[in-house]
Amino acid sequence: SGKTYCKRLYGWIVGKGAAMKLHTGEQAVISKIRELRSLNR
């Protein structure tokens, strides 16, 4: 039916036709996490 059948992945949202799209705010958080990890946090 084109509907989602799993939990939403952090950093993504479900758009029209069940297509996955980037969640701008959460992607920024993911980038920050990667940055902190690169600094050995």
PDB file of all heavy atoms in Angstrom:
ATOM      1  N   SER A   1       0.822  -1.216   0.000  1.00  0.00           N
ATOM      2  CA  SER A   1       0.000   0.000   0.000  1.00  0.00           C
ATOM      3  C   SER A   1       0.851   1.260   0.000  1.00  0.00           C
ATOM      4  O   SER A   1       0.321   2.374   0.011  1.00  0.00           O
ATOM      5  CB  SER A   1      -0.920   0.006   1.232  1.00  0.00           C
ATOM      6  OG  SER A   1      -1.767  -1.122   1.231  1.00  0.00           O
ATOM      7  N   GLY A   2       2.169   1.094   0.043  1.00  0.00           N
ATOM      8  CA  GLY A   2       3.061   2.250   0.046  1.00  0.00           C
ATOM      9  C   GLY A   2       3.165   2.906   1.395  1.00  0.00           C
ATOM     10  O   GLY A   2       3.603   4.059   1.502  1.00  0.00           O
ATOM     11  N   LYS A   3       2.793   2.198   2.458  1.00  0.00           N
ATOM     12  CA  LYS A   3       2.845   2.768   3.799  1.00  0.00           C
ATOM     13  C   LYS A   3       4.099   2.271   4.511  1.00  0.00           C
ATOM     14  O   LYS A   3       4.664   1.241   4.172  1.00  0.00           O
ATOM     15  CB  LYS A   3       1.602   2.361   4.601  1.00  0.00           C
ATOM     16  CG  LYS A   3       0.303   2.841   3.982  1.00  0.00           C
ATOM     17  CD  LYS A   3      -0.885   2.372   4.814  1.00  0.00           C
ATOM     18  CE  LYS A   3      -2.200   2.849   4.211  1.00  0.00           C
ATOM     19  NZ  LYS A   3      -3.366   2.380   5.004  1.00  0.00           N
ATOM     20  N   THR A   4       4.523   3.028   5.514  1.00  0.00           N
ATOM     21  CA  THR A   4       5.701   2.622   6.272  1.00  0.00           C
ATOM     22  C   THR A   4       5.362   1.413   7.123  1.00  0.00           C
ATOM     23  O   THR A   4       4.238   1.274   7.594  1.00  0.00           O
ATOM     24  CB  THR A   4       6.188   3.762   7.180  1.00  0.00           C
ATOM     25  OG1 THR A   4       5.117   4.147   8.046  1.00  0.00           O
ATOM     26  CG2 THR A   4       6.620   4.963   6.364  1.00  0.00           C
ATOM     27  N   TYR A   5       6.329   0.563   7.309  1.00  0.00           N
ATOM     28  CA  TYR A   5       6.101  -0.619   8.135  1.00  0.00           C
ATOM     29  C   TYR A   5       7.272  -0.870   9.087  1.00  0.00           C
ATOM     30  O   TYR A   5       7.568  -1.987   9.452  1.00  0.00           O
ATOM     31  CB  TYR A   5       5.875  -1.857   7.258  1.00  0.00           C
ATOM     32  CG  TYR A   5       6.945  -2.119   6.232  1.00  0.00           C
ATOM     33  CD1 TYR A   5       7.963  -3.023   6.472  1.00  0.00           C
ATOM     34  CD2 TYR A   5       6.918  -1.449   5.009  1.00  0.00           C
ATOM     35  CE1 TYR A   5       8.925  -3.279   5.530  1.00  0.00           C
ATOM     36  CE2 TYR A   5       7.883  -1.693   4.058  1.00  0.00           C
ATOM     37  CZ  TYR A   5       8.887  -2.607   4.316  1.00  0.00           C
ATOM     38  OH  TYR A   5       9.848  -2.850   3.375  1.00  0.00           O
ATOM     39  N   CYS A   6       7.937   0.202   9.492  1.00  0.00           N
ATOM     40  CA  CYS A   6       8.986   0.097  10.504  1.00  0.00           C
ATOM     41  C   CYS A   6       9.084   1.435  11.227  1.00  0.00           C
ATOM     42  O   CYS A   6       8.471   2.421  10.821  1.00  0.00           O
ATOM     43  CB  CYS A   6      10.331  -0.252   9.867  1.00  0.00           C
ATOM     44  SG  CYS A   6      10.934   1.024   8.718  1.00  0.00           S
ATOM     45  N   LYS A   7       9.845   1.460  12.327  1.00  0.00           N
ATOM     46  CA  LYS A   7      10.013   2.696  13.075  1.00  0.00           C
ATOM     47  C   LYS A   7      10.798   3.707  12.241  1.00  0.00           C
ATOM     48  O   LYS A   7      11.673   3.344  11.476  1.00  0.00           O
ATOM     49  CB  LYS A   7      10.751   2.411  14.379  1.00  0.00           C
ATOM     50  CG  LYS A   7       9.985   1.495  15.316  1.00  0.00           C
ATOM     51  CD  LYS A   7      10.793   1.233  16.563  1.00  0.00           C
ATOM     52  CE  LYS A   7      10.051   0.280  17.482  1.00  0.00           C
ATOM     53  NZ  LYS A   7      10.842  -0.033  18.700  1.00  0.00           N
ATOM     54  N   ARG A   8      10.504   4.990  12.420  1.00  0.00           N
ATOM     55  CA  ARG A   8      11.198   6.034  11.675  1.00  0.00           C
ATOM     56  C   ARG A   8      12.644   6.129  12.131  1.00  0.00           C
ATOM     57  O   ARG A   8      12.948   6.131  13.308  1.00  0.00           O
ATOM     58  CB  ARG A   8      10.492   7.376  11.898  1.00  0.00           C
ATOM     59  CG  ARG A   8      11.119   8.519  11.111  1.00  0.00           C
ATOM     60  CD  ARG A   8      10.353   9.809  11.327  1.00  0.00           C
ATOM     61  NE  ARG A   8      10.597  10.404  12.614  1.00  0.00           N
ATOM     62  CZ  ARG A   8      11.644  11.200  12.875  1.00  0.00           C
ATOM     63  NH1 ARG A   8      12.550  11.448  11.938  1.00  0.00           N
ATOM     64  NH2 ARG A   8      11.782  11.742  14.064  1.00  0.00           N
ATOM     65  N   LEU A   9      13.544   6.193  11.156  1.00  0.00           N
ATOM     66  CA  LEU A   9      14.952   6.348  11.460  1.00  0.00           C
ATOM     67  C   LEU A   9      15.236   7.789  11.830  1.00  0.00           C
ATOM     68  O   LEU A   9      14.732   8.719  11.184  1.00  0.00           O
ATOM     69  CB  LEU A   9      15.806   5.942  10.258  1.00  0.00           C
ATOM     70  CG  LEU A   9      15.739   4.472   9.834  1.00  0.00           C
ATOM     71  CD1 LEU A   9      16.558   4.262   8.570  1.00  0.00           C
ATOM     72  CD2 LEU A   9      16.235   3.574  10.953  1.00  0.00           C
ATOM     73  N   TYR A  10      16.058   7.997  12.867  1.00  0.00           N
ATOM     74  CA  TYR A  10      16.416   9.353  13.270  1.00  0.00           C
ATOM     75  C   TYR A  10      17.170  10.036  12.137  1.00  0.00           C
ATOM     76  O   TYR A  10      18.098   9.476  11.548  1.00  0.00           O
ATOM     77  CB  TYR A  10      17.291   9.320  14.523  1.00  0.00           C
ATOM     78  CG  TYR A  10      17.546  10.681  15.113  1.00  0.00           C
ATOM     79  CD1 TYR A  10      16.576  11.319  15.878  1.00  0.00           C
ATOM     80  CD2 TYR A  10      18.753  11.334  14.896  1.00  0.00           C
ATOM     81  CE1 TYR A  10      16.796  12.570  16.420  1.00  0.00           C
ATOM     82  CE2 TYR A  10      18.996  12.593  15.437  1.00  0.00           C
ATOM     83  CZ  TYR A  10      18.013  13.211  16.189  1.00  0.00           C
ATOM     84  OH  TYR A  10      18.234  14.467  16.730  1.00  0.00           O
ATOM     85  N   GLY A  11      16.739  11.240  11.794  1.00  0.00           N
ATOM     86  CA  GLY A  11      17.373  11.987  10.712  1.00  0.00           C
ATOM     87  C   GLY A  11      16.608  11.918   9.410  1.00  0.00           C
ATOM     88  O   GLY A  11      16.994  12.552   8.426  1.00  0.00           O
ATOM     89  N   TRP A  12      15.501  11.151   9.431  1.00  0.00           N
ATOM     90  CA  TRP A  12      14.694  10.982   8.230  1.00  0.00           C
ATOM     91  C   TRP A  12      13.212  11.139   8.552  1.00  0.00           C
ATOM     92  O   TRP A  12      12.779  10.891   9.665  1.00  0.00           O
ATOM     93  CB  TRP A  12      14.927   9.609   7.599  1.00  0.00           C
ATOM     94  CG  TRP A  12      16.333   9.384   7.154  1.00  0.00           C
ATOM     95  CD1 TRP A  12      17.390   8.989   7.938  1.00  0.00           C
ATOM     96  CD2 TRP A  12      16.855   9.557   5.840  1.00  0.00           C
ATOM     97  NE1 TRP A  12      18.533   8.895   7.189  1.00  0.00           N
ATOM     98  CE2 TRP A  12      18.237   9.239   5.897  1.00  0.00           C
ATOM     99  CE3 TRP A  12      16.305   9.946   4.619  1.00  0.00           C
ATOM    100  CZ2 TRP A  12      19.072   9.301   4.775  1.00  0.00           C
ATOM    101  CZ3 TRP A  12      17.128   9.993   3.502  1.00  0.00           C
ATOM    102  CH2 TRP A  12      18.480   9.685   3.582  1.00  0.00           C
ATOM    103  N   ILE A  13      12.442  11.551   7.551  1.00  0.00           N
ATOM    104  CA  ILE A  13      10.993  11.645   7.696  1.00  0.00           C
ATOM    105  C   ILE A  13      10.346  10.979   6.483  1.00  0.00           C
ATOM    106  O   ILE A  13      10.991  10.786   5.454  1.00  0.00           O
ATOM    107  CB  ILE A  13      10.510  13.113   7.792  1.00  0.00           C
ATOM    108  CG1 ILE A  13      10.974  13.912   6.580  1.00  0.00           C
ATOM    109  CG2 ILE A  13      10.972  13.762   9.078  1.00  0.00           C
ATOM    110  CD1 ILE A  13      10.452  15.340   6.555  1.00  0.00           C
ATOM    111  N   VAL A  14       9.105  10.610   6.657  1.00  0.00           N
ATOM    112  CA  VAL A  14       8.370   9.969   5.573  1.00  0.00           C
ATOM    113  C   VAL A  14       7.579  11.010   4.799  1.00  0.00           C
ATOM    114  O   VAL A  14       6.748  11.711   5.351  1.00  0.00           O
ATOM    115  CB  VAL A  14       7.404   8.899   6.118  1.00  0.00           C
ATOM    116  CG1 VAL A  14       6.668   8.210   4.969  1.00  0.00           C
ATOM    117  CG2 VAL A  14       8.160   7.871   6.963  1.00  0.00           C
ATOM    118  N   GLY A  15       7.859  11.106   3.496  1.00  0.00           N
ATOM    119  CA  GLY A  15       7.161  12.070   2.663  1.00  0.00           C
ATOM    120  C   GLY A  15       6.022  11.426   1.891  1.00  0.00           C
ATOM    121  O   GLY A  15       5.539  10.348   2.241  1.00  0.00           O
ATOM    122  N   LYS A  16       5.593  12.062   0.829  1.00  0.00           N
ATOM    123  CA  LYS A  16       4.503  11.530   0.021  1.00  0.00           C
ATOM    124  C   LYS A  16       4.926  10.226  -0.646  1.00  0.00           C
ATOM    125  O   LYS A  16       6.063  10.067  -1.066  1.00  0.00           O
ATOM    126  CB  LYS A  16       4.100  12.559  -1.049  1.00  0.00           C
ATOM    127  CG  LYS A  16       3.476  13.825  -0.479  1.00  0.00           C
ATOM    128  CD  LYS A  16       3.062  14.768  -1.589  1.00  0.00           C
ATOM    129  CE  LYS A  16       2.402  16.028  -1.028  1.00  0.00           C
ATOM    130  NZ  LYS A  16       1.988  16.950  -2.102  1.00  0.00           N
ATOM    131  N   GLY A  17       3.956   9.310  -0.730  1.00  0.00           N
ATOM    132  CA  GLY A  17       4.249   8.030  -1.350  1.00  0.00           C
ATOM    133  C   GLY A  17       5.202   7.181  -0.543  1.00  0.00           C
ATOM    134  O   GLY A  17       5.862   6.283  -1.065  1.00  0.00           O
ATOM    135  N   ALA A  18       5.297   7.465   0.758  1.00  0.00           N
ATOM    136  CA  ALA A  18       6.161   6.719   1.687  1.00  0.00           C
ATOM    137  C   ALA A  18       7.642   6.890   1.375  1.00  0.00           C
ATOM    138  O   ALA A  18       8.476   6.100   1.812  1.00  0.00           O
ATOM    139  CB  ALA A  18       5.802   5.233   1.690  1.00  0.00           C
ATOM    140  N   ALA A  19       7.987   7.941   0.595  1.00  0.00           N
ATOM    141  CA  ALA A  19       9.388   8.198   0.271  1.00  0.00           C
ATOM    142  C   ALA A  19      10.087   8.810   1.487  1.00  0.00           C
ATOM    143  O   ALA A  19       9.520   9.641   2.193  1.00  0.00           O
ATOM    144  CB  ALA A  19       9.493   9.131  -0.918  1.00  0.00           C
ATOM    145  N   MET A  20      11.322   8.378   1.740  1.00  0.00           N
ATOM    146  CA  MET A  20      12.086   8.892   2.872  1.00  0.00           C
ATOM    147  C   MET A  20      12.810  10.181   2.474  1.00  0.00           C
ATOM    148  O   MET A  20      13.447  10.251   1.415  1.00  0.00           O
ATOM    149  CB  MET A  20      13.103   7.847   3.326  1.00  0.00           C
ATOM    150  CG  MET A  20      12.484   6.528   3.775  1.00  0.00           C
ATOM    151  SD  MET A  20      11.399   6.716   5.212  1.00  0.00           S
ATOM    152  CE  MET A  20      12.607   7.089   6.477  1.00  0.00           C
ATOM    153  N   LYS A  21      12.709  11.176   3.340  1.00  0.00           N
ATOM    154  CA  LYS A  21      13.366  12.450   3.091  1.00  0.00           C
ATOM    155  C   LYS A  21      14.202  12.839   4.303  1.00  0.00           C
ATOM    156  O   LYS A  21      13.913  12.432   5.421  1.00  0.00           O
ATOM    157  CB  LYS A  21      12.327  13.544   2.811  1.00  0.00           C
ATOM    158  CG  LYS A  21      11.520  13.325   1.541  1.00  0.00           C
ATOM    159  CD  LYS A  21      10.569  14.495   1.312  1.00  0.00           C
ATOM    160  CE  LYS A  21       9.790  14.329   0.022  1.00  0.00           C
ATOM    161  NZ  LYS A  21       8.870  15.467  -0.221  1.00  0.00           N
ATOM    162  N   LEU A  22      15.243  13.637   4.051  1.00  0.00           N
ATOM    163  CA  LEU A  22      16.108  14.084   5.136  1.00  0.00           C
ATOM    164  C   LEU A  22      15.362  15.042   6.068  1.00  0.00           C
ATOM    165  O   LEU A  22      14.608  15.898   5.620  1.00  0.00           O
ATOM    166  CB  LEU A  22      17.343  14.788   4.576  1.00  0.00           C
ATOM    167  CG  LEU A  22      18.343  13.923   3.812  1.00  0.00           C
ATOM    168  CD1 LEU A  22      19.431  14.798   3.211  1.00  0.00           C
ATOM    169  CD2 LEU A  22      18.961  12.892   4.739  1.00  0.00           C
ATOM    170  N   HIS A  23      15.588  14.858   7.368  1.00  0.00           N
ATOM    171  CA  HIS A  23      15.060  15.779   8.374  1.00  0.00           C
ATOM    172  C   HIS A  23      16.188  16.756   8.697  1.00  0.00           C
ATOM    173  O   HIS A  23      17.182  16.392   9.329  1.00  0.00           O
ATOM    174  CB  HIS A  23      14.633  15.004   9.625  1.00  0.00           C
ATOM    175  CG  HIS A  23      13.939  15.847  10.654  1.00  0.00           C
ATOM    176  ND1 HIS A  23      14.581  16.876  11.318  1.00  0.00           N
ATOM    177  CD2 HIS A  23      12.665  15.809  11.125  1.00  0.00           C
ATOM    178  CE1 HIS A  23      13.728  17.432  12.169  1.00  0.00           C
ATOM    179  NE2 HIS A  23      12.562  16.816  12.067  1.00  0.00           N
ATOM    180  N   THR A  24      16.069  17.997   8.224  1.00  0.00           N
ATOM    181  CA  THR A  24      17.162  18.965   8.317  1.00  0.00           C
ATOM    182  C   THR A  24      17.688  19.134   9.742  1.00  0.00           C
ATOM    183  O   THR A  24      18.903  19.084   9.980  1.00  0.00           O
ATOM    184  CB  THR A  24      16.706  20.339   7.797  1.00  0.00           C
ATOM    185  OG1 THR A  24      16.192  20.190   6.470  1.00  0.00           O
ATOM    186  CG2 THR A  24      17.879  21.319   7.774  1.00  0.00           C
ATOM    187  N   GLY A  25      16.784  19.324  10.712  1.00  0.00           N
ATOM    188  CA  GLY A  25      17.211  19.544  12.093  1.00  0.00           C
ATOM    189  C   GLY A  25      17.943  18.350  12.677  1.00  0.00           C
ATOM    190  O   GLY A  25      19.001  18.493  13.309  1.00  0.00           O
ATOM    191  N   GLU A  26      17.415  17.175  12.456  1.00  0.00           N
ATOM    192  CA  GLU A  26      18.036  15.981  13.009  1.00  0.00           C
ATOM    193  C   GLU A  26      19.344  15.638  12.306  1.00  0.00           C
ATOM    194  O   GLU A  26      20.264  15.106  12.923  1.00  0.00           O
ATOM    195  CB  GLU A  26      17.054  14.808  12.941  1.00  0.00           C
ATOM    196  CG  GLU A  26      15.846  14.996  13.876  1.00  0.00           C
ATOM    197  CD  GLU A  26      14.857  13.848  13.790  1.00  0.00           C
ATOM    198  OE1 GLU A  26      15.062  12.949  12.944  1.00  0.00           O
ATOM    199  OE2 GLU A  26      13.895  13.842  14.578  1.00  0.00           O
ATOM    200  N   GLN A  27      19.422  15.941  11.013  1.00  0.00           N
ATOM    201  CA  GLN A  27      20.674  15.709  10.301  1.00  0.00           C
ATOM    202  C   GLN A  27      21.776  16.609  10.857  1.00  0.00           C
ATOM    203  O   GLN A  27      22.948  16.214  10.918  1.00  0.00           O
ATOM    204  CB  GLN A  27      20.488  15.978   8.802  1.00  0.00           C
ATOM    205  CG  GLN A  27      19.719  14.893   8.058  1.00  0.00           C
ATOM    206  CD  GLN A  27      20.450  13.575   8.007  1.00  0.00           C
ATOM    207  OE1 GLN A  27      21.683  13.533   7.990  1.00  0.00           O
ATOM    208  NE2 GLN A  27      19.706  12.473   7.992  1.00  0.00           N
ATOM    209  N   ALA A  28      21.389  17.812  11.286  1.00  0.00           N
ATOM    210  CA  ALA A  28      22.358  18.731  11.895  1.00  0.00           C
ATOM    211  C   ALA A  28      22.877  18.147  13.214  1.00  0.00           C
ATOM    212  O   ALA A  28      24.065  18.278  13.540  1.00  0.00           O
ATOM    213  CB  ALA A  28      21.718  20.096  12.137  1.00  0.00           C
ATOM    214  N   VAL A  29      21.982  17.510  13.963  1.00  0.00           N
ATOM    215  CA  VAL A  29      22.376  16.874  15.227  1.00  0.00           C
ATOM    216  C   VAL A  29      23.344  15.729  14.946  1.00  0.00           C
ATOM    217  O   VAL A  29      24.355  15.567  15.641  1.00  0.00           O
ATOM    218  CB  VAL A  29      21.139  16.355  15.986  1.00  0.00           C
ATOM    219  CG1 VAL A  29      21.573  15.573  17.223  1.00  0.00           C
ATOM    220  CG2 VAL A  29      20.240  17.510  16.380  1.00  0.00           C
ATOM    221  N   ILE A  30      23.035  14.936  13.931  1.00  0.00           N
ATOM    222  CA  ILE A  30      23.911  13.828  13.558  1.00  0.00           C
ATOM    223  C   ILE A  30      25.295  14.335  13.176  1.00  0.00           C
ATOM    224  O   ILE A  30      26.319  13.756  13.564  1.00  0.00           O
ATOM    225  CB  ILE A  30      23.293  13.026  12.388  1.00  0.00           C
ATOM    226  CG1 ILE A  30      22.012  12.328  12.845  1.00  0.00           C
ATOM    227  CG2 ILE A  30      24.286  12.000  11.848  1.00  0.00           C
ATOM    228  CD1 ILE A  30      21.250  11.626  11.745  1.00  0.00           C
ATOM    229  N   SER A  31      25.345  15.439  12.425  1.00  0.00           N
ATOM    230  CA  SER A  31      26.626  16.028  12.026  1.00  0.00           C
ATOM    231  C   SER A  31      27.411  16.480  13.255  1.00  0.00           C
ATOM    232  O   SER A  31      28.640  16.309  13.325  1.00  0.00           O
ATOM    233  CB  SER A  31      26.391  17.220  11.090  1.00  0.00           C
ATOM    234  OG  SER A  31      25.784  16.797   9.884  1.00  0.00           O
ATOM    235  N   LYS A  32      26.705  17.063  14.231  1.00  0.00           N
ATOM    236  CA  LYS A  32      27.359  17.519  15.454  1.00  0.00           C
ATOM    237  C   LYS A  32      27.915  16.335  16.240  1.00  0.00           C
ATOM    238  O   LYS A  32      29.027  16.400  16.785  1.00  0.00           O
ATOM    239  CB  LYS A  32      26.355  18.293  16.321  1.00  0.00           C
ATOM    240  CG  LYS A  32      26.989  18.942  17.547  1.00  0.00           C
ATOM    241  CD  LYS A  32      28.042  19.974  17.150  1.00  0.00           C
ATOM    242  CE  LYS A  32      28.649  20.657  18.345  1.00  0.00           C
ATOM    243  NZ  LYS A  32      29.671  21.664  17.952  1.00  0.00           N
ATOM    244  N   ILE A  33      27.165  15.246  16.281  1.00  0.00           N
ATOM    245  CA  ILE A  33      27.625  14.042  16.979  1.00  0.00           C
ATOM    246  C   ILE A  33      28.899  13.508  16.333  1.00  0.00           C
ATOM    247  O   ILE A  33      29.865  13.147  17.011  1.00  0.00           O
ATOM    248  CB  ILE A  33      26.524  12.960  16.973  1.00  0.00           C
ATOM    249  CG1 ILE A  33      25.339  13.417  17.851  1.00  0.00           C
ATOM    250  CG2 ILE A  33      27.073  11.624  17.468  1.00  0.00           C
ATOM    251  CD1 ILE A  33      24.151  12.481  17.781  1.00  0.00           C
ATOM    252  N   ARG A  34      28.912  13.485  14.997  1.00  0.00           N
ATOM    253  CA  ARG A  34      30.096  13.019  14.281  1.00  0.00           C
ATOM    254  C   ARG A  34      31.296  13.927  14.556  1.00  0.00           C
ATOM    255  O   ARG A  34      32.434  13.460  14.702  1.00  0.00           O
ATOM    256  CB  ARG A  34      29.804  12.967  12.785  1.00  0.00           C
ATOM    257  CG  ARG A  34      28.862  11.826  12.373  1.00  0.00           C
ATOM    258  CD  ARG A  34      28.469  11.931  10.926  1.00  0.00           C
ATOM    259  NE  ARG A  34      27.650  10.783  10.522  1.00  0.00           N
ATOM    260  CZ  ARG A  34      26.956  10.738   9.396  1.00  0.00           C
ATOM    261  NH1 ARG A  34      26.995  11.777   8.548  1.00  0.00           N
ATOM    262  NH2 ARG A  34      26.239   9.672   9.107  1.00  0.00           N
ATOM    263  N   GLU A  35      31.027  15.211  14.624  1.00  0.00           N
ATOM    264  CA  GLU A  35      32.098  16.177  14.897  1.00  0.00           C
ATOM    265  C   GLU A  35      32.693  15.928  16.287  1.00  0.00           C
ATOM    266  O   GLU A  35      33.919  15.914  16.465  1.00  0.00           O
ATOM    267  CB  GLU A  35      31.548  17.601  14.818  1.00  0.00           C
ATOM    268  CG  GLU A  35      32.577  18.673  15.180  1.00  0.00           C
ATOM    269  CD  GLU A  35      31.949  20.052  15.258  1.00  0.00           C
ATOM    270  OE1 GLU A  35      30.843  20.251  14.701  1.00  0.00           O
ATOM    271  OE2 GLU A  35      32.564  20.935  15.894  1.00  0.00           O
ATOM    272  N   LEU A  36      31.826  15.744  17.273  1.00  0.00           N
ATOM    273  CA  LEU A  36      32.302  15.506  18.638  1.00  0.00           C
ATOM    274  C   LEU A  36      33.062  14.181  18.742  1.00  0.00           C
ATOM    275  O   LEU A  36      34.048  14.083  19.476  1.00  0.00           O
ATOM    276  CB  LEU A  36      31.118  15.509  19.608  1.00  0.00           C
ATOM    277  CG  LEU A  36      30.405  16.867  19.770  1.00  0.00           C
ATOM    278  CD1 LEU A  36      29.146  16.718  20.619  1.00  0.00           C
ATOM    279  CD2 LEU A  36      31.353  17.890  20.403  1.00  0.00           C
ATOM    280  N   ARG A  37      32.612  13.179  18.004  1.00  0.00           N
ATOM    281  CA  ARG A  37      33.316  11.898  18.022  1.00  0.00           C
ATOM    282  C   ARG A  37      34.717  12.029  17.414  1.00  0.00           C
ATOM    283  O   ARG A  37      35.664  11.383  17.863  1.00  0.00           O
ATOM    284  CB  ARG A  37      32.517  10.847  17.255  1.00  0.00           C
ATOM    285  CG  ARG A  37      31.301  10.343  18.005  1.00  0.00           C
ATOM    286  CD  ARG A  37      31.677   9.600  19.272  1.00  0.00           C
ATOM    287  NE  ARG A  37      32.218   8.269  18.995  1.00  0.00           N
ATOM    288  CZ  ARG A  37      32.774   7.477  19.897  1.00  0.00           C
ATOM    289  NH1 ARG A  37      32.918   7.904  21.147  1.00  0.00           N
ATOM    290  NH2 ARG A  37      33.232   6.286  19.577  1.00  0.00           N
ATOM    291  N   SER A  38      34.817  12.875  16.373  1.00  0.00           N
ATOM    292  CA  SER A  38      36.114  13.087  15.731  1.00  0.00           C
ATOM    293  C   SER A  38      37.083  13.783  16.679  1.00  0.00           C
ATOM    294  O   SER A  38      38.303  13.708  16.493  1.00  0.00           O
ATOM    295  CB  SER A  38      35.941  13.916  14.449  1.00  0.00           C
ATOM    296  OG  SER A  38      35.543  15.252  14.759  1.00  0.00           O
ATOM    297  N   LEU A  39      36.529  14.451  17.705  1.00  0.00           N
ATOM    298  CA  LEU A  39      37.349  15.127  18.711  1.00  0.00           C
ATOM    299  C   LEU A  39      37.589  14.221  19.922  1.00  0.00           C
ATOM    300  O   LEU A  39      38.004  14.682  20.985  1.00  0.00           O
ATOM    301  CB  LEU A  39      36.664  16.413  19.163  1.00  0.00           C
ATOM    302  CG  LEU A  39      36.465  17.481  18.072  1.00  0.00           C
ATOM    303  CD1 LEU A  39      35.658  18.652  18.611  1.00  0.00           C
ATOM    304  CD2 LEU A  39      37.815  17.957  17.543  1.00  0.00           C
ATOM    305  N   ASN A  40      37.287  12.932  19.728  1.00  0.00           N
ATOM    306  CA  ASN A  40      37.497  11.921  20.773  1.00  0.00           C
ATOM    307  C   ASN A  40      36.635  12.129  22.015  1.00  0.00           C
ATOM    308  O   ASN A  40      37.025  11.729  23.123  1.00  0.00           O
ATOM    309  CB  ASN A  40      38.978  11.864  21.179  1.00  0.00           C
ATOM    310  CG  ASN A  40      39.873  11.399  20.044  1.00  0.00           C
ATOM    311  OD1 ASN A  40      39.499  10.510  19.280  1.00  0.00           O
ATOM    312  ND2 ASN A  40      41.045  12.010  19.928  1.00  0.00           N
ATOM    313  N   ARG A  41      35.456  12.718  21.823  1.00  0.00           N
ATOM    314  CA  ARG A  41      34.531  12.831  22.943  1.00  0.00           C
ATOM    315  C   ARG A  41      33.876  11.470  23.179  1.00  0.00           C
ATOM    316  O   ARG A  41      33.544  10.759  22.231  1.00  0.00           O
ATOM    317  CB  ARG A  41      33.449  13.880  22.650  1.00  0.00           C
ATOM    318  CG  ARG A  41      33.964  15.298  22.460  1.00  0.00           C
ATOM    319  CD  ARG A  41      34.523  15.866  23.771  1.00  0.00           C
ATOM    320  NE  ARG A  41      34.766  17.294  23.657  1.00  0.00           N
ATOM    321  CZ  ARG A  41      35.890  17.831  23.190  1.00  0.00           C
ATOM    322  NH1 ARG A  41      36.857  17.023  22.764  1.00  0.00           N
ATOM    323  NH2 ARG A  41      36.040  19.131  23.114  1.00  0.00           N
TER     324      ARG A  41
END
